[in-house]
């Protein structure tokens, strides 16, 4: 008799464990869906577009999202259309949105060692590689040669000027070993870029700007879309 009671008790315990496990799986599933939707919402916050500068206009103070916004970057016909932030380090905007709030999708930001007005010969913009083409995940499309040929024009607006951005190459590089992830002289940057990726044309005389994002699961693998800027008069 005691064996039967023990078995029934074990059955009830097992049923309880199964129920608890199912509830936990259900709750984890809800959290994962919520987390994904939260990330996507912050990565494509529609309120940011209210601050997009007009074509050929400079980034006026009253239209800046905050004091650390230094530019706006757009590549025509793509999902790249974002404010550009800059802090005193390259860490803050990895998990901070343009409004200053915590966000896993972060912000597009200019290397802290670059001049805020893009007056350096070589400047670097960073952004997270998000799924579904969000943030700089949109740069994935430039792996396709046809897409690259058809989407080479854009605009980068600073507080001082509005620039035409024209892409001349894409490059895959290792952030741990490549010298492309620091301010460079123009000739030095071109020497490093030349022959190392998809080169479309010899660049014009303008200063060089590189858009950088992660590639896959490799921690230090990066994909760069590189172009020159020329002031729009």
C-alpha atoms as a PDB file:
ATOM      1  CA  UNK A   1       0.000   0.000   0.000  1.00  0.00           C
ATOM      2  CA  UNK A   2       2.753   2.422   0.906  1.00  0.00           C
ATOM      3  CA  UNK A   3       4.352   1.740  -2.457  1.00  0.00           C
ATOM      4  CA  UNK A   4       1.169   2.800  -4.239  1.00  0.00           C
ATOM      5  CA  UNK A   5       1.001   6.018  -2.207  1.00  0.00           C
ATOM      6  CA  UNK A   6       4.646   6.698  -3.015  1.00  0.00           C
ATOM      7  CA  UNK A   7       4.060   6.173  -6.724  1.00  0.00           C
ATOM      8  CA  UNK A   8       1.005   8.446  -6.702  1.00  0.00           C
ATOM      9  CA  UNK A   9       3.037  11.079  -4.868  1.00  0.00           C
ATOM     10  CA  UNK A  10       5.806  10.810  -7.431  1.00  0.00           C
ATOM     11  CA  UNK A  11       3.260  11.131 -10.237  1.00  0.00           C
ATOM     12  CA  UNK A  12       1.891  14.336  -8.693  1.00  0.00           C
ATOM     13  CA  UNK A  13       5.403  15.719  -8.269  1.00  0.00           C
ATOM     14  CA  UNK A  14       6.209  14.873 -11.871  1.00  0.00           C
ATOM     15  CA  UNK A  15       3.000  16.505 -13.104  1.00  0.00           C
ATOM     16  CA  UNK A  16       3.846  19.590 -11.060  1.00  0.00           C
ATOM     17  CA  UNK A  17       7.358  19.757 -12.500  1.00  0.00           C
ATOM     18  CA  UNK A  18       6.018  19.394 -16.043  1.00  0.00           C
ATOM     19  CA  UNK A  19       3.469  22.173 -15.428  1.00  0.00           C
ATOM     20  CA  UNK A  20       6.120  24.491 -13.966  1.00  0.00           C
ATOM     21  CA  UNK A  21       8.447  23.729 -16.889  1.00  0.00           C
ATOM     22  CA  UNK A  22       5.732  24.516 -19.441  1.00  0.00           C
ATOM     23  CA  UNK A  23       4.909  27.777 -17.683  1.00  0.00           C
ATOM     24  CA  UNK A  24       8.600  28.744 -17.657  1.00  0.00           C
ATOM     25  CA  UNK A  25       8.958  27.937 -21.365  1.00  0.00           C
ATOM     26  CA  UNK A  26       5.843  30.001 -22.084  1.00  0.00           C
ATOM     27  CA  UNK A  27       7.151  32.966 -20.052  1.00  0.00           C
ATOM     28  CA  UNK A  28      10.578  32.764 -21.690  1.00  0.00           C
ATOM     29  CA  UNK A  29       8.897  32.737 -25.098  1.00  0.00           C
ATOM     30  CA  UNK A  30       6.890  35.848 -24.211  1.00  0.00           C
ATOM     31  CA  UNK A  31      10.035  37.588 -22.965  1.00  0.00           C
ATOM     32  CA  UNK A  32      11.975  36.748 -26.144  1.00  0.00           C
ATOM     33  CA  UNK A  33       9.159  38.094 -28.334  1.00  0.00           C
ATOM     34  CA  UNK A  34       8.934  41.246 -26.206  1.00  0.00           C
ATOM     35  CA  UNK A  35      12.724  41.685 -26.260  1.00  0.00           C
ATOM     36  CA  UNK A  36      12.831  41.351 -30.051  1.00  0.00           C
ATOM     37  CA  UNK A  37       9.977  43.822 -30.530  1.00  0.00           C
ATOM     38  CA  UNK A  38      11.604  46.241 -28.053  1.00  0.00           C
ATOM     39  CA  UNK A  39      14.906  46.107 -29.926  1.00  0.00           C
ATOM     40  CA  UNK A  40      13.218  46.625 -33.286  1.00  0.00           C
ATOM     41  CA  UNK A  41      11.189  49.554 -31.949  1.00  0.00           C
ATOM     42  CA  UNK A  42      14.297  51.308 -30.678  1.00  0.00           C
ATOM     43  CA  UNK A  43      16.288  50.513 -33.816  1.00  0.00           C
ATOM     44  CA  UNK A  44      13.705  52.185 -36.073  1.00  0.00           C
ATOM     45  CA  UNK A  45      12.292  54.851 -33.774  1.00  0.00           C
ATOM     46  CA  UNK A  46      10.084  56.938 -36.126  1.00  0.00           C
ATOM     47  CA  UNK A  47      10.387  60.018 -33.923  1.00  0.00           C
ATOM     48  CA  UNK A  48      14.009  60.433 -35.001  1.00  0.00           C
ATOM     49  CA  UNK A  49      12.919  61.284 -38.541  1.00  0.00           C
ATOM     50  CA  UNK A  50      11.356  64.480 -37.201  1.00  0.00           C
ATOM     51  CA  UNK A  51      14.894  65.791 -36.777  1.00  0.00           C
ATOM     52  CA  UNK A  52      16.139  64.913 -40.278  1.00  0.00           C
ATOM     53  CA  UNK A  53      17.634  68.063 -41.821  1.00  0.00           C
ATOM     54  CA  UNK A  54      16.274  69.387 -45.081  1.00  0.00           C
ATOM     55  CA  UNK A  55      18.206  68.630 -48.266  1.00  0.00           C
ATOM     56  CA  UNK A  56      21.301  70.828 -48.654  1.00  0.00           C
ATOM     57  CA  UNK A  57      20.662  72.477 -45.251  1.00  0.00           C
ATOM     58  CA  UNK A  58      23.087  72.359 -42.335  1.00  0.00           C
ATOM     59  CA  UNK A  59      22.262  70.662 -39.030  1.00  0.00           C
ATOM     60  CA  UNK A  60      20.622  73.559 -37.223  1.00  0.00           C
ATOM     61  CA  UNK A  61      20.846  73.698 -33.439  1.00  0.00           C
ATOM     62  CA  UNK A  62      17.076  73.732 -32.920  1.00  0.00           C
ATOM     63  CA  UNK A  63      16.774  70.523 -34.968  1.00  0.00           C
ATOM     64  CA  UNK A  64      19.524  68.659 -33.126  1.00  0.00           C
ATOM     65  CA  UNK A  65      18.370  65.790 -30.939  1.00  0.00           C
ATOM     66  CA  UNK A  66      20.950  66.662 -28.297  1.00  0.00           C
ATOM     67  CA  UNK A  67      24.312  68.371 -27.822  1.00  0.00           C
ATOM     68  CA  UNK A  68      26.185  65.230 -28.869  1.00  0.00           C
ATOM     69  CA  UNK A  69      24.525  64.947 -32.261  1.00  0.00           C
ATOM     70  CA  UNK A  70      27.140  65.993 -34.801  1.00  0.00           C
ATOM     71  CA  UNK A  71      25.634  64.876 -38.120  1.00  0.00           C
ATOM     72  CA  UNK A  72      22.939  63.031 -40.046  1.00  0.00           C
ATOM     73  CA  UNK A  73      23.779  60.270 -42.544  1.00  0.00           C
ATOM     74  CA  UNK A  74      21.576  59.078 -45.409  1.00  0.00           C
ATOM     75  CA  UNK A  75      22.254  56.665 -48.261  1.00  0.00           C
ATOM     76  CA  UNK A  76      19.609  56.998 -50.969  1.00  0.00           C
ATOM     77  CA  UNK A  77      17.358  53.984 -51.509  1.00  0.00           C
ATOM     78  CA  UNK A  78      18.487  52.170 -48.360  1.00  0.00           C
ATOM     79  CA  UNK A  79      17.562  51.973 -44.693  1.00  0.00           C
ATOM     80  CA  UNK A  80      20.540  54.128 -43.737  1.00  0.00           C
ATOM     81  CA  UNK A  81      18.948  57.361 -42.529  1.00  0.00           C
ATOM     82  CA  UNK A  82      20.110  58.203 -39.012  1.00  0.00           C
ATOM     83  CA  UNK A  83      21.385  60.880 -36.673  1.00  0.00           C
ATOM     84  CA  UNK A  84      25.100  60.587 -35.893  1.00  0.00           C
ATOM     85  CA  UNK A  85      26.236  61.005 -32.303  1.00  0.00           C
ATOM     86  CA  UNK A  86      29.711  61.495 -30.824  1.00  0.00           C
ATOM     87  CA  UNK A  87      30.943  61.092 -27.265  1.00  0.00           C
ATOM     88  CA  UNK A  88      34.331  61.354 -25.605  1.00  0.00           C
ATOM     89  CA  UNK A  89      34.725  57.582 -26.021  1.00  0.00           C
ATOM     90  CA  UNK A  90      33.590  54.854 -28.415  1.00  0.00           C
ATOM     91  CA  UNK A  91      31.612  52.991 -25.735  1.00  0.00           C
ATOM     92  CA  UNK A  92      28.686  55.207 -24.730  1.00  0.00           C
ATOM     93  CA  UNK A  93      26.635  54.983 -27.921  1.00  0.00           C
ATOM     94  CA  UNK A  94      26.966  51.221 -28.211  1.00  0.00           C
ATOM     95  CA  UNK A  95      24.032  51.011 -25.778  1.00  0.00           C
ATOM     96  CA  UNK A  96      22.631  54.541 -25.710  1.00  0.00           C
ATOM     97  CA  UNK A  97      20.031  55.903 -28.117  1.00  0.00           C
ATOM     98  CA  UNK A  98      20.222  59.453 -29.528  1.00  0.00           C
ATOM     99  CA  UNK A  99      17.919  60.687 -26.750  1.00  0.00           C
ATOM    100  CA  UNK A 100      20.365  59.477 -24.105  1.00  0.00           C
ATOM    101  CA  UNK A 101      18.331  56.457 -22.948  1.00  0.00           C
ATOM    102  CA  UNK A 102      19.613  52.891 -22.615  1.00  0.00           C
ATOM    103  CA  UNK A 103      19.130  50.875 -25.795  1.00  0.00           C
ATOM    104  CA  UNK A 104      20.726  47.614 -26.925  1.00  0.00           C
ATOM    105  CA  UNK A 105      20.531  48.867 -30.516  1.00  0.00           C
ATOM    106  CA  UNK A 106      22.599  51.923 -29.585  1.00  0.00           C
ATOM    107  CA  UNK A 107      23.143  54.774 -32.048  1.00  0.00           C
ATOM    108  CA  UNK A 108      25.149  55.517 -35.138  1.00  0.00           C
ATOM    109  CA  UNK A 109      28.212  57.368 -33.866  1.00  0.00           C
ATOM    110  CA  UNK A 110      31.372  59.060 -35.078  1.00  0.00           C
ATOM    111  CA  UNK A 111      34.739  57.846 -33.803  1.00  0.00           C
ATOM    112  CA  UNK A 112      35.621  59.938 -30.748  1.00  0.00           C
ATOM    113  CA  UNK A 113      39.051  60.712 -32.239  1.00  0.00           C
ATOM    114  CA  UNK A 114      37.573  62.309 -35.358  1.00  0.00           C
ATOM    115  CA  UNK A 115      36.713  65.987 -35.744  1.00  0.00           C
ATOM    116  CA  UNK A 116      32.968  66.521 -35.296  1.00  0.00           C
ATOM    117  CA  UNK A 117      32.770  68.548 -38.518  1.00  0.00           C
ATOM    118  CA  UNK A 118      34.256  65.683 -40.599  1.00  0.00           C
ATOM    119  CA  UNK A 119      37.262  67.840 -41.456  1.00  0.00           C
ATOM    120  CA  UNK A 120      39.663  64.908 -40.964  1.00  0.00           C
ATOM    121  CA  UNK A 121      41.005  63.206 -44.112  1.00  0.00           C
ATOM    122  CA  UNK A 122      39.462  59.903 -42.916  1.00  0.00           C
ATOM    123  CA  UNK A 123      36.482  59.588 -40.559  1.00  0.00           C
ATOM    124  CA  UNK A 124      34.673  56.483 -39.279  1.00  0.00           C
ATOM    125  CA  UNK A 125      30.995  56.023 -38.420  1.00  0.00           C
ATOM    126  CA  UNK A 126      29.997  52.952 -36.400  1.00  0.00           C
ATOM    127  CA  UNK A 127      26.648  51.218 -36.008  1.00  0.00           C
ATOM    128  CA  UNK A 128      25.308  47.908 -34.741  1.00  0.00           C
ATOM    129  CA  UNK A 129      24.521  45.145 -37.209  1.00  0.00           C
ATOM    130  CA  UNK A 130      20.826  44.549 -36.484  1.00  0.00           C
ATOM    131  CA  UNK A 131      18.618  41.883 -38.047  1.00  0.00           C
ATOM    132  CA  UNK A 132      16.043  42.774 -40.719  1.00  0.00           C
ATOM    133  CA  UNK A 133      18.277  45.502 -42.121  1.00  0.00           C
ATOM    134  CA  UNK A 134      17.931  47.756 -39.082  1.00  0.00           C
ATOM    135  CA  UNK A 135      20.624  50.240 -38.039  1.00  0.00           C
ATOM    136  CA  UNK A 136      23.821  49.405 -39.981  1.00  0.00           C
ATOM    137  CA  UNK A 137      22.434  45.942 -40.691  1.00  0.00           C
ATOM    138  CA  UNK A 138      21.210  47.733 -43.839  1.00  0.00           C
ATOM    139  CA  UNK A 139      24.831  47.704 -45.069  1.00  0.00           C
ATOM    140  CA  UNK A 140      24.483  43.952 -45.729  1.00  0.00           C
ATOM    141  CA  UNK A 141      22.815  44.819 -49.027  1.00  0.00           C
ATOM    142  CA  UNK A 142      26.117  46.281 -50.268  1.00  0.00           C
ATOM    143  CA  UNK A 143      27.636  42.792 -50.414  1.00  0.00           C
ATOM    144  CA  UNK A 144      25.639  42.463 -53.643  1.00  0.00           C
ATOM    145  CA  UNK A 145      27.571  44.025 -56.536  1.00  0.00           C
ATOM    146  CA  UNK A 146      24.405  45.034 -58.392  1.00  0.00           C
ATOM    147  CA  UNK A 147      22.918  46.757 -55.366  1.00  0.00           C
ATOM    148  CA  UNK A 148      26.221  48.511 -54.729  1.00  0.00           C
ATOM    149  CA  UNK A 149      26.346  49.901 -58.246  1.00  0.00           C
ATOM    150  CA  UNK A 150      22.815  51.277 -57.980  1.00  0.00           C
ATOM    151  CA  UNK A 151      23.032  52.791 -54.463  1.00  0.00           C
ATOM    152  CA  UNK A 152      26.224  54.785 -54.341  1.00  0.00           C
ATOM    153  CA  UNK A 153      24.891  58.222 -53.478  1.00  0.00           C
ATOM    154  CA  UNK A 154      23.934  59.728 -50.174  1.00  0.00           C
ATOM    155  CA  UNK A 155      24.232  62.740 -47.948  1.00  0.00           C
ATOM    156  CA  UNK A 156      26.008  63.544 -44.684  1.00  0.00           C
ATOM    157  CA  UNK A 157      24.941  66.738 -42.960  1.00  0.00           C
ATOM    158  CA  UNK A 158      26.954  68.381 -40.186  1.00  0.00           C
ATOM    159  CA  UNK A 159      26.467  71.608 -38.235  1.00  0.00           C
ATOM    160  CA  UNK A 160      28.741  73.375 -40.713  1.00  0.00           C
ATOM    161  CA  UNK A 161      27.871  71.923 -44.121  1.00  0.00           C
ATOM    162  CA  UNK A 162      25.893  69.409 -46.160  1.00  0.00           C
ATOM    163  CA  UNK A 163      27.985  66.906 -48.117  1.00  0.00           C
ATOM    164  CA  UNK A 164      27.286  64.605 -51.014  1.00  0.00           C
ATOM    165  CA  UNK A 165      28.481  61.114 -50.066  1.00  0.00           C
ATOM    166  CA  UNK A 166      29.629  58.882 -52.942  1.00  0.00           C
ATOM    167  CA  UNK A 167      30.638  55.271 -52.294  1.00  0.00           C
ATOM    168  CA  UNK A 168      33.760  54.029 -54.057  1.00  0.00           C
ATOM    169  CA  UNK A 169      34.527  50.728 -52.286  1.00  0.00           C
ATOM    170  CA  UNK A 170      33.486  48.164 -49.692  1.00  0.00           C
ATOM    171  CA  UNK A 171      35.920  46.276 -47.484  1.00  0.00           C
ATOM    172  CA  UNK A 172      35.903  43.377 -45.049  1.00  0.00           C
ATOM    173  CA  UNK A 173      38.434  43.916 -42.281  1.00  0.00           C
ATOM    174  CA  UNK A 174      39.432  42.684 -38.831  1.00  0.00           C
ATOM    175  CA  UNK A 175      39.053  45.368 -36.181  1.00  0.00           C
ATOM    176  CA  UNK A 176      41.783  43.730 -34.094  1.00  0.00           C
ATOM    177  CA  UNK A 177      44.457  43.804 -36.778  1.00  0.00           C
ATOM    178  CA  UNK A 178      43.454  46.317 -39.456  1.00  0.00           C
ATOM    179  CA  UNK A 179      44.667  49.907 -39.270  1.00  0.00           C
ATOM    180  CA  UNK A 180      41.436  51.168 -40.824  1.00  0.00           C
ATOM    181  CA  UNK A 181      39.791  51.767 -37.451  1.00  0.00           C
ATOM    182  CA  UNK A 182      41.619  54.940 -36.498  1.00  0.00           C
ATOM    183  CA  UNK A 183      42.008  58.401 -38.031  1.00  0.00           C
ATOM    184  CA  UNK A 184      44.416  58.280 -40.984  1.00  0.00           C
ATOM    185  CA  UNK A 185      45.981  60.505 -43.571  1.00  0.00           C
ATOM    186  CA  UNK A 186      44.083  60.289 -46.849  1.00  0.00           C
ATOM    187  CA  UNK A 187      46.927  58.601 -48.739  1.00  0.00           C
ATOM    188  CA  UNK A 188      47.413  56.101 -45.928  1.00  0.00           C
ATOM    189  CA  UNK A 189      43.720  55.236 -45.877  1.00  0.00           C
ATOM    190  CA  UNK A 190      43.638  54.745 -49.647  1.00  0.00           C
ATOM    191  CA  UNK A 191      46.711  52.514 -49.518  1.00  0.00           C
ATOM    192  CA  UNK A 192      45.001  50.279 -46.943  1.00  0.00           C
ATOM    193  CA  UNK A 193      41.708  50.227 -48.845  1.00  0.00           C
ATOM    194  CA  UNK A 194      43.146  49.648 -52.298  1.00  0.00           C
ATOM    195  CA  UNK A 195      42.975  46.076 -53.460  1.00  0.00           C
ATOM    196  CA  UNK A 196      41.326  44.853 -50.254  1.00  0.00           C
ATOM    197  CA  UNK A 197      37.671  44.919 -51.278  1.00  0.00           C
ATOM    198  CA  UNK A 198      35.172  45.757 -54.002  1.00  0.00           C
ATOM    199  CA  UNK A 199      36.669  48.867 -55.612  1.00  0.00           C
ATOM    200  CA  UNK A 200      34.247  50.694 -57.906  1.00  0.00           C
ATOM    201  CA  UNK A 201      36.284  53.664 -59.035  1.00  0.00           C
ATOM    202  CA  UNK A 202      39.143  55.944 -58.119  1.00  0.00           C
ATOM    203  CA  UNK A 203      37.742  58.301 -55.488  1.00  0.00           C
ATOM    204  CA  UNK A 204      37.424  62.007 -56.045  1.00  0.00           C
ATOM    205  CA  UNK A 205      39.381  64.589 -54.121  1.00  0.00           C
ATOM    206  CA  UNK A 206      36.969  64.733 -51.199  1.00  0.00           C
ATOM    207  CA  UNK A 207      37.639  63.572 -47.683  1.00  0.00           C
ATOM    208  CA  UNK A 208      36.934  59.909 -46.922  1.00  0.00           C
ATOM    209  CA  UNK A 209      34.190  58.567 -44.638  1.00  0.00           C
ATOM    210  CA  UNK A 210      33.812  54.876 -43.749  1.00  0.00           C
ATOM    211  CA  UNK A 211      30.616  53.289 -42.383  1.00  0.00           C
ATOM    212  CA  UNK A 212      31.506  50.259 -40.256  1.00  0.00           C
ATOM    213  CA  UNK A 213      29.422  47.418 -38.806  1.00  0.00           C
ATOM    214  CA  UNK A 214      29.945  43.884 -37.472  1.00  0.00           C
ATOM    215  CA  UNK A 215      29.898  40.760 -39.627  1.00  0.00           C
ATOM    216  CA  UNK A 216      28.236  37.594 -38.387  1.00  0.00           C
ATOM    217  CA  UNK A 217      29.360  35.951 -35.163  1.00  0.00           C
ATOM    218  CA  UNK A 218      33.010  36.910 -35.439  1.00  0.00           C
ATOM    219  CA  UNK A 219      33.681  39.460 -32.706  1.00  0.00           C
ATOM    220  CA  UNK A 220      36.255  41.466 -34.632  1.00  0.00           C
ATOM    221  CA  UNK A 221      35.087  40.986 -38.234  1.00  0.00           C
ATOM    222  CA  UNK A 222      33.818  44.225 -39.770  1.00  0.00           C
ATOM    223  CA  UNK A 223      32.234  45.340 -43.050  1.00  0.00           C
ATOM    224  CA  UNK A 224      32.980  48.859 -44.251  1.00  0.00           C
ATOM    225  CA  UNK A 225      31.170  50.907 -46.883  1.00  0.00           C
ATOM    226  CA  UNK A 226      33.533  53.712 -47.879  1.00  0.00           C
ATOM    227  CA  UNK A 227      32.971  56.926 -49.800  1.00  0.00           C
ATOM    228  CA  UNK A 228      34.097  60.479 -50.273  1.00  0.00           C
ATOM    229  CA  UNK A 229      32.278  63.636 -49.215  1.00  0.00           C
ATOM    230  CA  UNK A 230      31.994  66.797 -51.275  1.00  0.00           C
ATOM    231  CA  UNK A 231      30.256  69.912 -49.982  1.00  0.00           C
ATOM    232  CA  UNK A 232      26.957  70.771 -51.622  1.00  0.00           C
ATOM    233  CA  UNK A 233      26.980  74.488 -52.415  1.00  0.00           C
END
